[in-house]
């Protein structure tokens, strides 16, 4: 909690689901000196300004992570960057691959270079379970982004800037989540199920925000932090939301996995267990420093953190309890 006190913090994608939740928590609990909301959509910024009021700590930047010059203007005097801007719709990325790469990969490069050039202290980039052994362009672009942020520590070298990544599963109730879709269709009597065997990792928005806060405090640079979170089957999720609805199997969409993964068996060779989370360590730490993660126990050989083999599954009743607190 003390790390963010009196800091100047910038959030890319600041008007997205995560960005808004993080900014609200930051203002309420951590006493930052300044909070910069960086996003492309002026309407969303206007709506958030109406919600948050005239807090003197807030600054509002219209900008795109594709524009390095604008990032450098926004990063001036900033000490902490949370990079949440991304194109994240799987089917949209498949149909618009150049746009996905421009935002998720080249945008990541711009954030890294601007952060180093402006002397930002710490940068945390948000990743996704789809970045591990990716099966679609969105996942591949986020894997590339993850590797860029880890390597950013080499580019920063002896400078103050350090980069780490947080990787977690589906956020319950976020835009694009299946939960709002199921809730909207619950009254129709039929819910579309892609595959009865499908499983997913789930995390709530407040949990995701807390995980980023904790990771900012713990990072030394180069870690990919992964929380231990529960899985559900798609069938149980649908049953929890609309128990009397018919479940119609429609088939897996292009680029969609049957089960998700956050740590591959290859990455597990350099992953350590913190108890409530894992940390995938960088192959090399040539920029110096020592991560506290090296003191934690390593994983068994061949381990993979996947939604179907996860040892923590929610029951239908537990899913209902979880959703009761999700608007």
C-alpha atoms as a PDB file:
ATOM      1  CA  UNK A   1       0.000   0.000   0.000  1.00  0.00           C
ATOM      2  CA  UNK A   2       2.807   2.422   0.795  1.00  0.00           C
ATOM      3  CA  UNK A   3       4.502   2.100  -2.612  1.00  0.00           C
ATOM      4  CA  UNK A   4       1.754   3.979  -4.486  1.00  0.00           C
ATOM      5  CA  UNK A   5       1.425   6.728  -1.870  1.00  0.00           C
ATOM      6  CA  UNK A   6       2.428  10.140  -3.239  1.00  0.00           C
ATOM      7  CA  UNK A   7       3.259   8.616  -6.646  1.00  0.00           C
ATOM      8  CA  UNK A   8       2.329   9.961 -10.065  1.00  0.00           C
ATOM      9  CA  UNK A   9       0.537   7.045 -11.769  1.00  0.00           C
ATOM     10  CA  UNK A  10      -0.593   6.703 -15.396  1.00  0.00           C
ATOM     11  CA  UNK A  11      -3.015   4.070 -16.694  1.00  0.00           C
ATOM     12  CA  UNK A  12      -3.164   3.317 -20.425  1.00  0.00           C
ATOM     13  CA  UNK A  13      -6.608   2.095 -21.361  1.00  0.00           C
ATOM     14  CA  UNK A  14      -7.775   4.082 -18.355  1.00  0.00           C
ATOM     15  CA  UNK A  15     -11.436   4.061 -19.394  1.00  0.00           C
ATOM     16  CA  UNK A  16     -11.660   0.287 -19.879  1.00  0.00           C
ATOM     17  CA  UNK A  17     -13.155  -2.114 -17.335  1.00  0.00           C
ATOM     18  CA  UNK A  18      -9.887  -2.678 -15.504  1.00  0.00           C
ATOM     19  CA  UNK A  19      -8.647   0.889 -15.887  1.00  0.00           C
ATOM     20  CA  UNK A  20     -11.718   2.424 -14.289  1.00  0.00           C
ATOM     21  CA  UNK A  21     -11.711  -0.047 -11.391  1.00  0.00           C
ATOM     22  CA  UNK A  22      -7.994   0.471 -10.775  1.00  0.00           C
ATOM     23  CA  UNK A  23      -8.300   4.270 -10.833  1.00  0.00           C
ATOM     24  CA  UNK A  24     -11.249   4.235  -8.401  1.00  0.00           C
ATOM     25  CA  UNK A  25      -9.282   2.030  -5.988  1.00  0.00           C
ATOM     26  CA  UNK A  26      -6.146   4.126  -6.399  1.00  0.00           C
ATOM     27  CA  UNK A  27      -7.945   7.359  -5.535  1.00  0.00           C
ATOM     28  CA  UNK A  28      -9.858   5.814  -2.637  1.00  0.00           C
ATOM     29  CA  UNK A  29      -7.095   3.878  -0.871  1.00  0.00           C
ATOM     30  CA  UNK A  30      -3.561   4.827  -1.888  1.00  0.00           C
ATOM     31  CA  UNK A  31      -3.256   8.630  -1.780  1.00  0.00           C
ATOM     32  CA  UNK A  32      -1.438   9.105  -5.108  1.00  0.00           C
ATOM     33  CA  UNK A  33      -0.065  12.538  -5.902  1.00  0.00           C
ATOM     34  CA  UNK A  34      -1.375  12.475  -9.481  1.00  0.00           C
ATOM     35  CA  UNK A  35      -3.378  10.019 -11.605  1.00  0.00           C
ATOM     36  CA  UNK A  36      -3.231  10.251 -15.398  1.00  0.00           C
ATOM     37  CA  UNK A  37      -6.045   8.669 -17.416  1.00  0.00           C
ATOM     38  CA  UNK A  38      -4.705   7.856 -20.900  1.00  0.00           C
ATOM     39  CA  UNK A  39      -7.192   6.537 -23.483  1.00  0.00           C
ATOM     40  CA  UNK A  40      -8.498   7.097 -27.001  1.00  0.00           C
ATOM     41  CA  UNK A  41     -12.224   7.673 -26.447  1.00  0.00           C
ATOM     42  CA  UNK A  42     -13.271  11.194 -25.469  1.00  0.00           C
ATOM     43  CA  UNK A  43     -16.843  10.101 -24.654  1.00  0.00           C
ATOM     44  CA  UNK A  44     -15.643   7.445 -22.205  1.00  0.00           C
ATOM     45  CA  UNK A  45     -13.307   9.985 -20.612  1.00  0.00           C
ATOM     46  CA  UNK A  46     -16.182  12.459 -20.297  1.00  0.00           C
ATOM     47  CA  UNK A  47     -18.399   9.838 -18.662  1.00  0.00           C
ATOM     48  CA  UNK A  48     -15.645   8.846 -16.218  1.00  0.00           C
ATOM     49  CA  UNK A  49     -15.007  12.495 -15.378  1.00  0.00           C
ATOM     50  CA  UNK A  50     -18.693  12.909 -14.582  1.00  0.00           C
ATOM     51  CA  UNK A  51     -18.501   9.876 -12.294  1.00  0.00           C
ATOM     52  CA  UNK A  52     -15.279  10.789 -10.475  1.00  0.00           C
ATOM     53  CA  UNK A  53     -15.929  14.509 -10.197  1.00  0.00           C
ATOM     54  CA  UNK A  54     -13.337  17.272 -10.049  1.00  0.00           C
ATOM     55  CA  UNK A  55     -10.642  15.455  -8.116  1.00  0.00           C
ATOM     56  CA  UNK A  56      -7.574  17.733  -8.356  1.00  0.00           C
ATOM     57  CA  UNK A  57      -5.278  14.704  -8.603  1.00  0.00           C
ATOM     58  CA  UNK A  58      -6.736  13.601 -11.942  1.00  0.00           C
ATOM     59  CA  UNK A  59      -5.295  14.407 -15.376  1.00  0.00           C
ATOM     60  CA  UNK A  60      -6.935  13.443 -18.667  1.00  0.00           C
ATOM     61  CA  UNK A  61      -4.961  12.591 -21.812  1.00  0.00           C
ATOM     62  CA  UNK A  62      -6.604  11.670 -25.095  1.00  0.00           C
ATOM     63  CA  UNK A  63      -4.049   9.517 -26.867  1.00  0.00           C
ATOM     64  CA  UNK A  64      -3.207   6.181 -28.453  1.00  0.00           C
ATOM     65  CA  UNK A  65      -0.399   3.809 -27.487  1.00  0.00           C
ATOM     66  CA  UNK A  66       0.423   3.692 -31.197  1.00  0.00           C
ATOM     67  CA  UNK A  67       1.615   7.311 -30.878  1.00  0.00           C
ATOM     68  CA  UNK A  68       4.991   7.333 -29.126  1.00  0.00           C
ATOM     69  CA  UNK A  69       5.283  11.136 -29.105  1.00  0.00           C
ATOM     70  CA  UNK A  70       1.967  11.449 -27.281  1.00  0.00           C
ATOM     71  CA  UNK A  71       3.032   8.788 -24.781  1.00  0.00           C
ATOM     72  CA  UNK A  72       6.219  10.715 -24.068  1.00  0.00           C
ATOM     73  CA  UNK A  73       4.182  13.852 -23.379  1.00  0.00           C
ATOM     74  CA  UNK A  74       1.872  11.925 -21.052  1.00  0.00           C
ATOM     75  CA  UNK A  75       4.723  10.096 -19.246  1.00  0.00           C
ATOM     76  CA  UNK A  76       6.479  13.323 -18.285  1.00  0.00           C
ATOM     77  CA  UNK A  77       6.818  13.296 -14.491  1.00  0.00           C
ATOM     78  CA  UNK A  78       5.125   9.878 -14.168  1.00  0.00           C
ATOM     79  CA  UNK A  79       6.656   7.310 -11.799  1.00  0.00           C
ATOM     80  CA  UNK A  80       4.319   4.314 -12.296  1.00  0.00           C
ATOM     81  CA  UNK A  81       2.621   3.085 -15.487  1.00  0.00           C
ATOM     82  CA  UNK A  82      -0.076   0.407 -15.587  1.00  0.00           C
ATOM     83  CA  UNK A  83      -0.438  -0.671 -19.219  1.00  0.00           C
ATOM     84  CA  UNK A  84      -3.999  -1.917 -19.712  1.00  0.00           C
ATOM     85  CA  UNK A  85      -4.662  -0.708 -23.278  1.00  0.00           C
ATOM     86  CA  UNK A  86      -5.183  -3.529 -25.775  1.00  0.00           C
ATOM     87  CA  UNK A  87      -7.284  -4.936 -28.570  1.00  0.00           C
ATOM     88  CA  UNK A  88      -8.655  -8.010 -26.810  1.00  0.00           C
ATOM     89  CA  UNK A  89     -11.622  -9.364 -28.791  1.00  0.00           C
ATOM     90  CA  UNK A  90     -10.445 -12.649 -30.328  1.00  0.00           C
ATOM     91  CA  UNK A  91     -12.674 -12.543 -33.413  1.00  0.00           C
ATOM     92  CA  UNK A  92     -11.995  -8.831 -34.029  1.00  0.00           C
ATOM     93  CA  UNK A  93      -8.254  -9.456 -33.924  1.00  0.00           C
ATOM     94  CA  UNK A  94      -8.567 -12.355 -36.376  1.00  0.00           C
ATOM     95  CA  UNK A  95     -10.393 -10.142 -38.874  1.00  0.00           C
ATOM     96  CA  UNK A  96      -8.212  -7.063 -38.298  1.00  0.00           C
ATOM     97  CA  UNK A  97      -4.738  -8.527 -37.715  1.00  0.00           C
ATOM     98  CA  UNK A  98      -2.721  -5.429 -38.682  1.00  0.00           C
ATOM     99  CA  UNK A  99      -4.698  -3.313 -36.215  1.00  0.00           C
ATOM    100  CA  UNK A 100      -4.174  -5.888 -33.462  1.00  0.00           C
ATOM    101  CA  UNK A 101      -0.417  -5.918 -34.005  1.00  0.00           C
ATOM    102  CA  UNK A 102      -0.256  -2.110 -34.172  1.00  0.00           C
ATOM    103  CA  UNK A 103      -1.907  -1.784 -30.759  1.00  0.00           C
ATOM    104  CA  UNK A 104      -0.785  -4.865 -28.833  1.00  0.00           C
ATOM    105  CA  UNK A 105       2.784  -5.230 -30.127  1.00  0.00           C
ATOM    106  CA  UNK A 106       3.945  -1.894 -31.528  1.00  0.00           C
ATOM    107  CA  UNK A 107       1.997  -0.116 -28.803  1.00  0.00           C
ATOM    108  CA  UNK A 108       3.877  -2.164 -26.200  1.00  0.00           C
ATOM    109  CA  UNK A 109       7.184  -1.146 -27.809  1.00  0.00           C
ATOM    110  CA  UNK A 110       6.116   2.502 -27.651  1.00  0.00           C
ATOM    111  CA  UNK A 111       5.205   2.225 -23.961  1.00  0.00           C
ATOM    112  CA  UNK A 112       8.587   0.636 -23.205  1.00  0.00           C
ATOM    113  CA  UNK A 113      10.617   3.247 -25.070  1.00  0.00           C
ATOM    114  CA  UNK A 114       8.606   6.159 -23.676  1.00  0.00           C
ATOM    115  CA  UNK A 115       8.906   4.813 -20.124  1.00  0.00           C
ATOM    116  CA  UNK A 116      12.694   4.451 -20.384  1.00  0.00           C
ATOM    117  CA  UNK A 117      13.094   7.846 -22.025  1.00  0.00           C
ATOM    118  CA  UNK A 118      10.955   9.598 -19.405  1.00  0.00           C
ATOM    119  CA  UNK A 119      12.493   7.857 -16.386  1.00  0.00           C
ATOM    120  CA  UNK A 120       9.375   6.003 -15.229  1.00  0.00           C
ATOM    121  CA  UNK A 121      10.231   3.838 -12.185  1.00  0.00           C
ATOM    122  CA  UNK A 122       7.929   0.837 -12.628  1.00  0.00           C
ATOM    123  CA  UNK A 123       5.732  -0.454 -15.443  1.00  0.00           C
ATOM    124  CA  UNK A 124       3.237  -3.296 -15.056  1.00  0.00           C
ATOM    125  CA  UNK A 125       1.672  -4.658 -18.257  1.00  0.00           C
ATOM    126  CA  UNK A 126      -1.576  -6.629 -18.228  1.00  0.00           C
ATOM    127  CA  UNK A 127      -1.486  -9.945 -20.089  1.00  0.00           C
ATOM    128  CA  UNK A 128      -3.963 -12.803 -20.552  1.00  0.00           C
ATOM    129  CA  UNK A 129      -4.193 -16.572 -20.213  1.00  0.00           C
ATOM    130  CA  UNK A 130      -4.451 -16.640 -24.009  1.00  0.00           C
ATOM    131  CA  UNK A 131      -0.778 -15.604 -24.227  1.00  0.00           C
ATOM    132  CA  UNK A 132       0.415 -19.026 -23.029  1.00  0.00           C
ATOM    133  CA  UNK A 133       0.698 -21.471 -25.964  1.00  0.00           C
ATOM    134  CA  UNK A 134      -1.470 -19.103 -28.063  1.00  0.00           C
ATOM    135  CA  UNK A 135      -4.034 -20.426 -30.509  1.00  0.00           C
ATOM    136  CA  UNK A 136      -5.188 -17.086 -31.923  1.00  0.00           C
ATOM    137  CA  UNK A 137      -3.703 -13.771 -33.008  1.00  0.00           C
ATOM    138  CA  UNK A 138      -4.806 -11.953 -29.863  1.00  0.00           C
ATOM    139  CA  UNK A 139      -2.977 -14.491 -27.687  1.00  0.00           C
ATOM    140  CA  UNK A 140       0.081 -14.424 -29.961  1.00  0.00           C
ATOM    141  CA  UNK A 141       0.191 -10.621 -29.871  1.00  0.00           C
ATOM    142  CA  UNK A 142       0.008 -10.623 -26.063  1.00  0.00           C
ATOM    143  CA  UNK A 143       2.753 -13.273 -25.831  1.00  0.00           C
ATOM    144  CA  UNK A 144       4.900 -11.017 -27.993  1.00  0.00           C
ATOM    145  CA  UNK A 145       3.983  -8.070 -25.752  1.00  0.00           C
ATOM    146  CA  UNK A 146       4.926 -10.061 -22.623  1.00  0.00           C
ATOM    147  CA  UNK A 147       8.336 -10.857 -24.086  1.00  0.00           C
ATOM    148  CA  UNK A 148       8.869  -7.225 -25.078  1.00  0.00           C
ATOM    149  CA  UNK A 149       8.164  -6.026 -21.536  1.00  0.00           C
ATOM    150  CA  UNK A 150      10.485  -8.596 -19.978  1.00  0.00           C
ATOM    151  CA  UNK A 151      13.217  -7.660 -22.473  1.00  0.00           C
ATOM    152  CA  UNK A 152      12.531  -3.984 -21.759  1.00  0.00           C
ATOM    153  CA  UNK A 153      14.600  -4.407 -18.603  1.00  0.00           C
ATOM    154  CA  UNK A 154      17.649  -5.120 -20.792  1.00  0.00           C
ATOM    155  CA  UNK A 155      16.993  -1.979 -22.824  1.00  0.00           C
ATOM    156  CA  UNK A 156      16.645   0.050 -19.624  1.00  0.00           C
ATOM    157  CA  UNK A 157      19.920  -1.494 -18.353  1.00  0.00           C
ATOM    158  CA  UNK A 158      21.340   0.713 -15.599  1.00  0.00           C
ATOM    159  CA  UNK A 159      18.466   3.213 -15.766  1.00  0.00           C
ATOM    160  CA  UNK A 160      15.761   3.309 -13.123  1.00  0.00           C
ATOM    161  CA  UNK A 161      12.916   1.833 -15.220  1.00  0.00           C
ATOM    162  CA  UNK A 162      11.783  -1.736 -14.535  1.00  0.00           C
ATOM    163  CA  UNK A 163       9.091  -3.768 -16.297  1.00  0.00           C
ATOM    164  CA  UNK A 164       6.987  -6.734 -15.172  1.00  0.00           C
ATOM    165  CA  UNK A 165       3.809  -8.454 -16.361  1.00  0.00           C
ATOM    166  CA  UNK A 166       0.652  -9.791 -14.719  1.00  0.00           C
ATOM    167  CA  UNK A 167      -1.159 -12.648 -16.452  1.00  0.00           C
ATOM    168  CA  UNK A 168      -4.607 -13.761 -15.325  1.00  0.00           C
ATOM    169  CA  UNK A 169      -7.781 -15.393 -16.657  1.00  0.00           C
ATOM    170  CA  UNK A 170     -11.221 -14.161 -17.657  1.00  0.00           C
ATOM    171  CA  UNK A 171     -12.550 -11.263 -15.589  1.00  0.00           C
ATOM    172  CA  UNK A 172     -16.074 -11.996 -14.370  1.00  0.00           C
ATOM    173  CA  UNK A 173     -18.546  -9.553 -15.885  1.00  0.00           C
ATOM    174  CA  UNK A 174     -16.032  -7.508 -17.900  1.00  0.00           C
ATOM    175  CA  UNK A 175     -16.873  -6.267 -21.375  1.00  0.00           C
ATOM    176  CA  UNK A 176     -16.658  -9.212 -23.766  1.00  0.00           C
ATOM    177  CA  UNK A 177     -17.142 -11.746 -20.956  1.00  0.00           C
ATOM    178  CA  UNK A 178     -19.652 -14.541 -21.483  1.00  0.00           C
ATOM    179  CA  UNK A 179     -21.365 -13.659 -18.174  1.00  0.00           C
ATOM    180  CA  UNK A 180     -23.211 -10.552 -19.488  1.00  0.00           C
ATOM    181  CA  UNK A 181     -24.203 -12.547 -22.573  1.00  0.00           C
ATOM    182  CA  UNK A 182     -25.667 -15.393 -20.510  1.00  0.00           C
ATOM    183  CA  UNK A 183     -27.478 -12.939 -18.249  1.00  0.00           C
ATOM    184  CA  UNK A 184     -28.962 -11.152 -21.242  1.00  0.00           C
ATOM    185  CA  UNK A 185     -30.144 -14.412 -22.833  1.00  0.00           C
ATOM    186  CA  UNK A 186     -31.321 -16.059 -19.596  1.00  0.00           C
ATOM    187  CA  UNK A 187     -34.935 -15.014 -20.179  1.00  0.00           C
ATOM    188  CA  UNK A 188     -34.977 -16.464 -23.682  1.00  0.00           C
ATOM    189  CA  UNK A 189     -34.872 -20.024 -22.353  1.00  0.00           C
ATOM    190  CA  UNK A 190     -31.763 -21.007 -24.362  1.00  0.00           C
ATOM    191  CA  UNK A 191     -28.053 -20.376 -23.751  1.00  0.00           C
ATOM    192  CA  UNK A 192     -25.421 -21.030 -26.447  1.00  0.00           C
ATOM    193  CA  UNK A 193     -22.669 -23.398 -25.242  1.00  0.00           C
ATOM    194  CA  UNK A 194     -19.573 -23.703 -27.390  1.00  0.00           C
ATOM    195  CA  UNK A 195     -18.536 -27.116 -26.045  1.00  0.00           C
ATOM    196  CA  UNK A 196     -19.738 -29.003 -22.978  1.00  0.00           C
ATOM    197  CA  UNK A 197     -16.136 -29.889 -22.047  1.00  0.00           C
ATOM    198  CA  UNK A 198     -14.891 -26.277 -22.079  1.00  0.00           C
ATOM    199  CA  UNK A 199     -13.251 -24.839 -18.937  1.00  0.00           C
ATOM    200  CA  UNK A 200     -12.023 -21.359 -18.053  1.00  0.00           C
ATOM    201  CA  UNK A 201     -10.088 -19.546 -15.327  1.00  0.00           C
ATOM    202  CA  UNK A 202     -12.039 -16.788 -13.551  1.00  0.00           C
ATOM    203  CA  UNK A 203     -11.053 -13.741 -11.500  1.00  0.00           C
ATOM    204  CA  UNK A 204     -13.177 -10.846 -10.245  1.00  0.00           C
ATOM    205  CA  UNK A 205     -12.343  -7.252 -11.132  1.00  0.00           C
ATOM    206  CA  UNK A 206     -11.492  -6.279  -7.518  1.00  0.00           C
ATOM    207  CA  UNK A 207      -9.203  -9.324  -7.299  1.00  0.00           C
ATOM    208  CA  UNK A 208      -7.481  -8.321 -10.546  1.00  0.00           C
ATOM    209  CA  UNK A 209      -6.937  -4.787  -9.250  1.00  0.00           C
ATOM    210  CA  UNK A 210      -5.499  -6.066  -5.965  1.00  0.00           C
ATOM    211  CA  UNK A 211      -3.231  -8.464  -7.841  1.00  0.00           C
ATOM    212  CA  UNK A 212      -1.781  -5.592  -9.880  1.00  0.00           C
ATOM    213  CA  UNK A 213      -1.312  -3.482  -6.724  1.00  0.00           C
ATOM    214  CA  UNK A 214       0.519  -6.354  -5.001  1.00  0.00           C
ATOM    215  CA  UNK A 215       2.646  -7.071  -8.072  1.00  0.00           C
ATOM    216  CA  UNK A 216       3.710  -3.421  -8.347  1.00  0.00           C
ATOM    217  CA  UNK A 217       4.951  -3.565  -4.777  1.00  0.00           C
ATOM    218  CA  UNK A 218       6.736  -6.925  -5.205  1.00  0.00           C
ATOM    219  CA  UNK A 219       8.311  -6.575  -8.661  1.00  0.00           C
ATOM    220  CA  UNK A 220      12.046  -6.411  -9.229  1.00  0.00           C
ATOM    221  CA  UNK A 221      11.718  -6.472 -13.014  1.00  0.00           C
ATOM    222  CA  UNK A 222      11.234  -9.275 -15.533  1.00  0.00           C
ATOM    223  CA  UNK A 223       8.657 -11.359 -13.628  1.00  0.00           C
ATOM    224  CA  UNK A 224       5.385 -12.570 -15.111  1.00  0.00           C
ATOM    225  CA  UNK A 225       3.080 -12.848 -12.104  1.00  0.00           C
ATOM    226  CA  UNK A 226       0.242 -15.389 -12.288  1.00  0.00           C
ATOM    227  CA  UNK A 227      -2.463 -15.627  -9.596  1.00  0.00           C
ATOM    228  CA  UNK A 228      -3.865 -18.923  -8.343  1.00  0.00           C
ATOM    229  CA  UNK A 229      -7.529 -18.639  -9.291  1.00  0.00           C
ATOM    230  CA  UNK A 230     -10.442 -21.064  -9.726  1.00  0.00           C
ATOM    231  CA  UNK A 231     -11.755 -22.750 -12.851  1.00  0.00           C
ATOM    232  CA  UNK A 232     -15.310 -23.450 -13.946  1.00  0.00           C
ATOM    233  CA  UNK A 233     -16.858 -25.517 -16.674  1.00  0.00           C
ATOM    234  CA  UNK A 234     -18.949 -23.571 -19.164  1.00  0.00           C
ATOM    235  CA  UNK A 235     -21.867 -25.875 -18.364  1.00  0.00           C
ATOM    236  CA  UNK A 236     -21.744 -25.077 -14.643  1.00  0.00           C
ATOM    237  CA  UNK A 237     -21.459 -21.362 -15.387  1.00  0.00           C
ATOM    238  CA  UNK A 238     -24.554 -21.475 -17.602  1.00  0.00           C
ATOM    239  CA  UNK A 239     -26.430 -23.543 -14.996  1.00  0.00           C
ATOM    240  CA  UNK A 240     -25.554 -21.065 -12.258  1.00  0.00           C
ATOM    241  CA  UNK A 241     -26.908 -18.146 -14.284  1.00  0.00           C
ATOM    242  CA  UNK A 242     -29.993 -19.758 -15.816  1.00  0.00           C
ATOM    243  CA  UNK A 243     -30.675 -23.190 -14.270  1.00  0.00           C
ATOM    244  CA  UNK A 244     -33.888 -23.791 -16.235  1.00  0.00           C
ATOM    245  CA  UNK A 245     -32.541 -22.674 -19.614  1.00  0.00           C
ATOM    246  CA  UNK A 246     -31.775 -25.149 -22.374  1.00  0.00           C
ATOM    247  CA  UNK A 247     -28.080 -25.340 -23.271  1.00  0.00           C
ATOM    248  CA  UNK A 248     -27.520 -25.433 -27.020  1.00  0.00           C
ATOM    249  CA  UNK A 249     -24.089 -26.566 -28.228  1.00  0.00           C
ATOM    250  CA  UNK A 250     -22.933 -24.295 -31.076  1.00  0.00           C
ATOM    251  CA  UNK A 251     -19.277 -25.351 -31.453  1.00  0.00           C
ATOM    252  CA  UNK A 252     -15.955 -23.677 -30.678  1.00  0.00           C
ATOM    253  CA  UNK A 253     -15.312 -20.417 -32.506  1.00  0.00           C
ATOM    254  CA  UNK A 254     -12.188 -19.898 -34.673  1.00  0.00           C
ATOM    255  CA  UNK A 255      -9.124 -19.331 -32.509  1.00  0.00           C
ATOM    256  CA  UNK A 256     -10.868 -20.465 -29.327  1.00  0.00           C
ATOM    257  CA  UNK A 257      -9.329 -23.091 -27.019  1.00  0.00           C
ATOM    258  CA  UNK A 258     -11.186 -25.882 -25.269  1.00  0.00           C
ATOM    259  CA  UNK A 259      -9.141 -25.158 -22.113  1.00  0.00           C
ATOM    260  CA  UNK A 260      -7.010 -22.159 -21.194  1.00  0.00           C
ATOM    261  CA  UNK A 261      -3.451 -22.123 -19.885  1.00  0.00           C
ATOM    262  CA  UNK A 262      -1.470 -19.561 -17.881  1.00  0.00           C
ATOM    263  CA  UNK A 263       1.846 -21.396 -17.455  1.00  0.00           C
ATOM    264  CA  UNK A 264       3.101 -23.838 -20.069  1.00  0.00           C
ATOM    265  CA  UNK A 265       5.226 -26.857 -19.217  1.00  0.00           C
ATOM    266  CA  UNK A 266       8.154 -25.068 -20.864  1.00  0.00           C
ATOM    267  CA  UNK A 267       7.706 -21.925 -18.739  1.00  0.00           C
ATOM    268  CA  UNK A 268       7.261 -23.974 -15.574  1.00  0.00           C
ATOM    269  CA  UNK A 269      10.975 -24.784 -15.628  1.00  0.00           C
ATOM    270  CA  UNK A 270      11.664 -21.202 -14.516  1.00  0.00           C
ATOM    271  CA  UNK A 271       8.526 -20.649 -12.442  1.00  0.00           C
ATOM    272  CA  UNK A 272       8.406 -20.423  -8.659  1.00  0.00           C
ATOM    273  CA  UNK A 273       5.506 -20.806  -6.231  1.00  0.00           C
ATOM    274  CA  UNK A 274       4.637 -17.929  -3.902  1.00  0.00           C
ATOM    275  CA  UNK A 275       1.700 -19.742  -2.261  1.00  0.00           C
ATOM    276  CA  UNK A 276      -1.148 -17.586  -3.579  1.00  0.00           C
ATOM    277  CA  UNK A 277       0.558 -16.881  -6.926  1.00  0.00           C
ATOM    278  CA  UNK A 278       3.287 -18.024  -9.292  1.00  0.00           C
ATOM    279  CA  UNK A 279       6.082 -15.986 -10.853  1.00  0.00           C
ATOM    280  CA  UNK A 280       7.625 -16.899 -14.204  1.00  0.00           C
ATOM    281  CA  UNK A 281      11.191 -15.619 -13.960  1.00  0.00           C
ATOM    282  CA  UNK A 282      13.193 -14.203 -16.882  1.00  0.00           C
ATOM    283  CA  UNK A 283      15.742 -16.404 -18.626  1.00  0.00           C
ATOM    284  CA  UNK A 284      18.443 -13.844 -17.866  1.00  0.00           C
ATOM    285  CA  UNK A 285      18.671 -10.871 -15.539  1.00  0.00           C
ATOM    286  CA  UNK A 286      21.593  -9.130 -17.188  1.00  0.00           C
ATOM    287  CA  UNK A 287      20.319  -5.729 -16.024  1.00  0.00           C
ATOM    288  CA  UNK A 288      21.201  -6.682 -12.427  1.00  0.00           C
ATOM    289  CA  UNK A 289      19.041  -6.981  -9.348  1.00  0.00           C
ATOM    290  CA  UNK A 290      17.773 -10.040  -7.575  1.00  0.00           C
ATOM    291  CA  UNK A 291      14.162 -11.138  -7.498  1.00  0.00           C
ATOM    292  CA  UNK A 292      12.819 -12.369  -4.132  1.00  0.00           C
ATOM    293  CA  UNK A 293      11.061 -15.042  -6.149  1.00  0.00           C
ATOM    294  CA  UNK A 294      14.255 -17.112  -6.384  1.00  0.00           C
ATOM    295  CA  UNK A 295      13.827 -17.971  -2.706  1.00  0.00           C
ATOM    296  CA  UNK A 296      10.421 -19.563  -3.337  1.00  0.00           C
ATOM    297  CA  UNK A 297      10.028 -23.265  -4.230  1.00  0.00           C
ATOM    298  CA  UNK A 298      10.222 -24.226  -7.892  1.00  0.00           C
ATOM    299  CA  UNK A 299       7.521 -26.232  -9.669  1.00  0.00           C
ATOM    300  CA  UNK A 300       7.772 -29.906 -10.479  1.00  0.00           C
ATOM    301  CA  UNK A 301       9.119 -30.799 -13.897  1.00  0.00           C
ATOM    302  CA  UNK A 302       6.449 -30.856 -16.609  1.00  0.00           C
ATOM    303  CA  UNK A 303       3.914 -28.828 -14.596  1.00  0.00           C
ATOM    304  CA  UNK A 304       1.431 -26.767 -16.621  1.00  0.00           C
ATOM    305  CA  UNK A 305      -1.161 -24.449 -15.106  1.00  0.00           C
ATOM    306  CA  UNK A 306      -4.288 -25.199 -17.144  1.00  0.00           C
ATOM    307  CA  UNK A 307      -7.976 -24.605 -16.516  1.00  0.00           C
ATOM    308  CA  UNK A 308      -8.962 -28.268 -16.961  1.00  0.00           C
ATOM    309  CA  UNK A 309      -6.295 -29.730 -14.639  1.00  0.00           C
ATOM    310  CA  UNK A 310      -6.571 -26.950 -12.055  1.00  0.00           C
ATOM    311  CA  UNK A 311      -7.118 -28.340  -8.539  1.00  0.00           C
ATOM    312  CA  UNK A 312      -9.564 -25.520  -7.708  1.00  0.00           C
ATOM    313  CA  UNK A 313     -12.984 -25.756  -9.390  1.00  0.00           C
ATOM    314  CA  UNK A 314     -16.051 -23.773  -8.358  1.00  0.00           C
ATOM    315  CA  UNK A 315     -19.347 -25.575  -7.809  1.00  0.00           C
ATOM    316  CA  UNK A 316     -22.577 -24.203  -9.260  1.00  0.00           C
ATOM    317  CA  UNK A 317     -23.492 -22.720  -5.873  1.00  0.00           C
ATOM    318  CA  UNK A 318     -20.043 -21.132  -5.504  1.00  0.00           C
ATOM    319  CA  UNK A 319     -20.400 -19.593  -8.966  1.00  0.00           C
ATOM    320  CA  UNK A 320     -23.757 -18.090  -7.920  1.00  0.00           C
ATOM    321  CA  UNK A 321     -22.147 -16.614  -4.811  1.00  0.00           C
ATOM    322  CA  UNK A 322     -19.366 -15.151  -6.929  1.00  0.00           C
ATOM    323  CA  UNK A 323     -21.804 -13.631  -9.447  1.00  0.00           C
ATOM    324  CA  UNK A 324     -23.974 -12.151  -6.686  1.00  0.00           C
ATOM    325  CA  UNK A 325     -21.316  -9.473  -6.172  1.00  0.00           C
ATOM    326  CA  UNK A 326     -20.839  -8.751  -9.894  1.00  0.00           C
ATOM    327  CA  UNK A 327     -23.045  -6.000 -11.393  1.00  0.00           C
END
